[in-house]
Amino acid sequence: MFESVNSNQSRSQRSQTSSKLLPVGDPQSSYYLHHTDHPSSVVINPKLTTNNYVAWSRSFLLALSIRNKLGFINGSIPKPQVTNDLYPSWIKCNNLIVAWLLDSINPPIASIVFYMDSAMEIWSALKQSYAQLDDTRVCNLQYTLGMLVRGLDGWIAILLNSRESAKN
């Protein structure tokens, strides 16, 4: 029994050591790829269009967060040097996220970012191009709502005047 406890401890220590040496094998690592992670394993509906960036980006960020891959688009996991042992794993993860991005956006938009190399570059380009459109859309909706309220105020004034006229 004592030997089995020691062998379990040493197996656990070896596992922890190998995980620290090879983050690709550690499920907590951003470099880890589960066997179910493939180019079409992230499904974001609806796909990105010119007017749904906020909802689309929220869905995509959730999908990346679940897979511990946010660092590839927010810059906290920079591209390592070619000589770094993590370089092949970084390329693999980056390319998978690029595939997820391209699969989650409408073809006319995908054609604009198709030849960009990094997921972070694509993410930044999409944010710069389409997040502002949502801001503009919000401003337009606020303006339209303000106009409707003013119009409603006018109708209320007319109705109140009609009511006063009817009383007299």
Protein backbone atom coordinates (compact mmCIF):
# COMPACT_ATOMS: atom_id res chain seq x y z
CA MET A 1 0.00 0.00 0.00
CA PHE A 2 2.84 2.37 0.84
CA GLU A 3 4.40 1.69 -2.56
CA SER A 4 1.16 2.44 -4.40
CA VAL A 5 0.81 5.77 -2.59
CA ASN A 6 4.40 6.66 -3.51
CA SER A 7 3.89 5.55 -7.11
CA ASN A 8 0.69 7.63 -7.31
CA GLN A 9 2.52 10.64 -5.90
CA SER A 10 5.43 10.25 -8.29
CA ARG A 11 3.03 9.76 -11.22
CA SER A 12 1.23 12.95 -10.15
CA GLN A 13 4.54 14.80 -9.83
CA ARG A 14 5.65 13.55 -13.27
CA SER A 15 2.32 14.67 -14.71
CA GLN A 16 2.66 18.12 -13.16
CA THR A 17 6.27 18.41 -14.33
CA SER A 18 5.47 17.30 -17.87
CA SER A 19 2.54 19.72 -17.99
CA LYS A 20 4.82 22.56 -16.95
CA LEU A 21 7.38 21.56 -19.55
CA LEU A 22 4.81 21.00 -22.29
CA PRO A 23 1.85 23.39 -21.94
CA VAL A 24 0.38 21.81 -25.05
CA GLY A 25 -0.53 18.78 -22.94
CA ASP A 26 -1.99 20.79 -20.06
CA PRO A 27 -5.78 21.28 -20.39
CA GLN A 28 -5.42 24.57 -18.45
CA SER A 29 -2.95 25.95 -20.99
CA SER A 30 -3.99 28.26 -23.80
CA TYR A 31 -1.88 26.10 -26.13
CA TYR A 32 -3.88 22.98 -25.35
CA LEU A 33 -6.04 21.67 -28.18
CA HIS A 34 -8.78 19.22 -27.31
CA HIS A 35 -9.34 16.39 -29.78
CA THR A 36 -12.72 17.93 -30.63
CA ASP A 37 -11.19 21.30 -31.60
CA HIS A 38 -11.23 21.56 -35.39
CA PRO A 39 -11.87 24.37 -37.91
CA SER A 40 -15.65 24.08 -37.76
CA SER A 41 -16.03 23.24 -34.06
CA VAL A 42 -16.97 26.81 -33.12
CA VAL A 43 -20.39 27.75 -34.44
CA ILE A 44 -21.40 31.40 -34.08
CA ASN A 45 -24.91 32.29 -35.23
CA PRO A 46 -25.66 34.60 -36.78
CA LYS A 47 -22.46 35.17 -38.70
CA LEU A 48 -20.88 38.61 -38.63
CA THR A 49 -22.56 41.11 -40.94
CA THR A 50 -22.08 44.84 -41.29
CA ASN A 51 -24.57 45.59 -38.52
CA ASN A 52 -24.31 42.92 -35.79
CA TYR A 53 -20.73 43.29 -34.52
CA VAL A 54 -21.56 43.71 -30.81
CA ALA A 55 -23.64 40.51 -30.56
CA TRP A 56 -21.29 38.56 -32.82
CA SER A 57 -18.15 39.62 -30.94
CA ARG A 58 -19.74 38.71 -27.60
CA SER A 59 -20.57 35.23 -28.89
CA PHE A 60 -17.09 34.77 -30.33
CA LEU A 61 -15.38 35.98 -27.15
CA LEU A 62 -17.44 33.51 -25.11
CA ALA A 63 -16.41 30.67 -27.41
CA LEU A 64 -12.73 31.63 -27.11
CA SER A 65 -12.98 32.07 -23.36
CA ILE A 66 -14.45 28.60 -22.93
CA ARG A 67 -11.46 27.21 -24.83
CA ASN A 68 -8.95 29.42 -22.97
CA LYS A 69 -7.83 31.11 -26.21
CA LEU A 70 -8.58 34.82 -25.57
CA GLY A 71 -4.87 35.61 -25.33
CA PHE A 72 -4.41 34.93 -29.03
CA ILE A 73 -6.67 37.85 -29.99
CA ASN A 74 -6.06 40.28 -27.12
CA GLY A 75 -2.28 40.19 -27.38
CA SER A 76 -1.52 38.54 -24.04
CA ILE A 77 -0.10 35.51 -25.89
CA PRO A 78 2.28 37.06 -28.43
CA LYS A 79 3.77 35.12 -31.31
CA PRO A 80 6.96 33.46 -30.02
CA GLN A 81 10.25 33.44 -31.91
CA VAL A 82 10.66 30.67 -34.49
CA THR A 83 13.35 29.12 -32.27
CA ASN A 84 11.00 28.93 -29.27
CA ASP A 85 9.64 25.45 -28.49
CA LEU A 86 6.12 26.90 -28.32
CA TYR A 87 6.26 28.35 -31.84
CA PRO A 88 4.68 25.32 -33.61
CA SER A 89 1.92 25.16 -30.99
CA TRP A 90 1.29 28.91 -31.26
CA ILE A 91 1.00 28.62 -35.06
CA LYS A 92 -1.42 25.71 -34.73
CA CYS A 93 -3.64 27.54 -32.20
CA ASN A 94 -3.51 30.81 -34.15
CA ASN A 95 -4.45 29.06 -37.40
CA LEU A 96 -7.34 27.29 -35.70
CA ILE A 97 -8.67 30.59 -34.36
CA VAL A 98 -8.24 32.16 -37.82
CA ALA A 99 -10.33 29.30 -39.24
CA TRP A 100 -12.98 29.86 -36.53
CA LEU A 101 -13.05 33.58 -37.34
CA LEU A 102 -13.36 33.04 -41.08
CA ASP A 103 -16.09 30.45 -40.54
CA SER A 104 -18.08 32.85 -38.35
CA ILE A 105 -18.28 35.83 -40.71
CA ASN A 106 -20.22 36.39 -43.92
CA PRO A 107 -18.24 35.68 -47.11
CA PRO A 108 -17.98 39.31 -48.32
CA ILE A 109 -16.40 40.29 -44.99
CA ALA A 110 -14.27 37.13 -44.85
CA SER A 111 -12.76 37.99 -48.23
CA ILE A 112 -11.44 41.26 -46.77
CA VAL A 113 -9.51 39.59 -43.93
CA PHE A 114 -8.77 36.24 -45.60
CA TYR A 115 -5.08 36.87 -46.20
CA MET A 116 -4.26 38.24 -42.76
CA ASP A 117 -1.92 35.92 -40.88
CA SER A 118 -2.80 36.31 -37.23
CA ALA A 119 -6.06 35.95 -35.37
CA MET A 120 -5.23 39.13 -33.46
CA GLU A 121 -4.78 41.05 -36.72
CA ILE A 122 -8.13 39.82 -38.04
CA TRP A 123 -9.88 40.56 -34.73
CA SER A 124 -8.48 44.10 -34.65
CA ALA A 125 -9.45 44.77 -38.27
CA LEU A 126 -13.01 43.55 -37.71
CA LYS A 127 -13.37 45.57 -34.52
CA GLN A 128 -12.02 48.70 -36.16
CA SER A 129 -14.29 48.31 -39.18
CA TYR A 130 -17.55 47.14 -37.66
CA ALA A 131 -17.71 48.17 -33.99
CA GLN A 132 -17.89 51.80 -35.06
CA LEU A 133 -20.79 50.99 -37.33
CA ASP A 134 -22.69 49.75 -34.30
CA ASP A 135 -21.88 52.99 -32.45
CA THR A 136 -23.22 54.97 -35.41
CA ARG A 137 -26.29 52.78 -35.50
CA VAL A 138 -26.90 53.38 -31.78
CA CYS A 139 -26.63 57.15 -32.33
CA ASN A 140 -29.08 56.95 -35.23
CA LEU A 141 -31.52 54.92 -33.15
CA GLN A 142 -31.26 57.40 -30.27
CA TYR A 143 -31.90 60.27 -32.69
CA THR A 144 -34.90 58.48 -34.19
CA LEU A 145 -36.29 57.72 -30.74
CA GLY A 146 -35.89 61.38 -29.78
CA MET A 147 -37.76 62.43 -32.91
CA LEU A 148 -40.56 59.97 -32.14
CA VAL A 149 -40.86 61.28 -28.58
CA ARG A 150 -41.03 64.86 -29.86
CA GLY A 151 -43.66 63.83 -32.38
CA LEU A 152 -45.62 62.06 -29.66
CA ASP A 153 -45.42 65.19 -27.50
CA GLY A 154 -46.92 67.14 -30.39
CA TRP A 155 -49.79 64.68 -30.74
CA ILE A 156 -50.45 64.77 -27.01
CA ALA A 157 -50.60 68.58 -27.13
CA ILE A 158 -53.08 68.43 -30.03
CA LEU A 159 -55.27 65.92 -28.18
CA LEU A 160 -55.23 68.00 -24.99
CA ASN A 161 -56.16 71.13 -26.97
CA SER A 162 -58.98 69.22 -28.65
CA ARG A 163 -60.22 68.03 -25.29
CA GLU A 164 -60.17 71.58 -23.89
CA SER A 165 -61.99 72.83 -26.98
CA ALA A 166 -64.64 70.14 -26.61
CA LYS A 167 -65.24 71.11 -22.97
CA ASN A 168 -65.77 74.74 -23.88
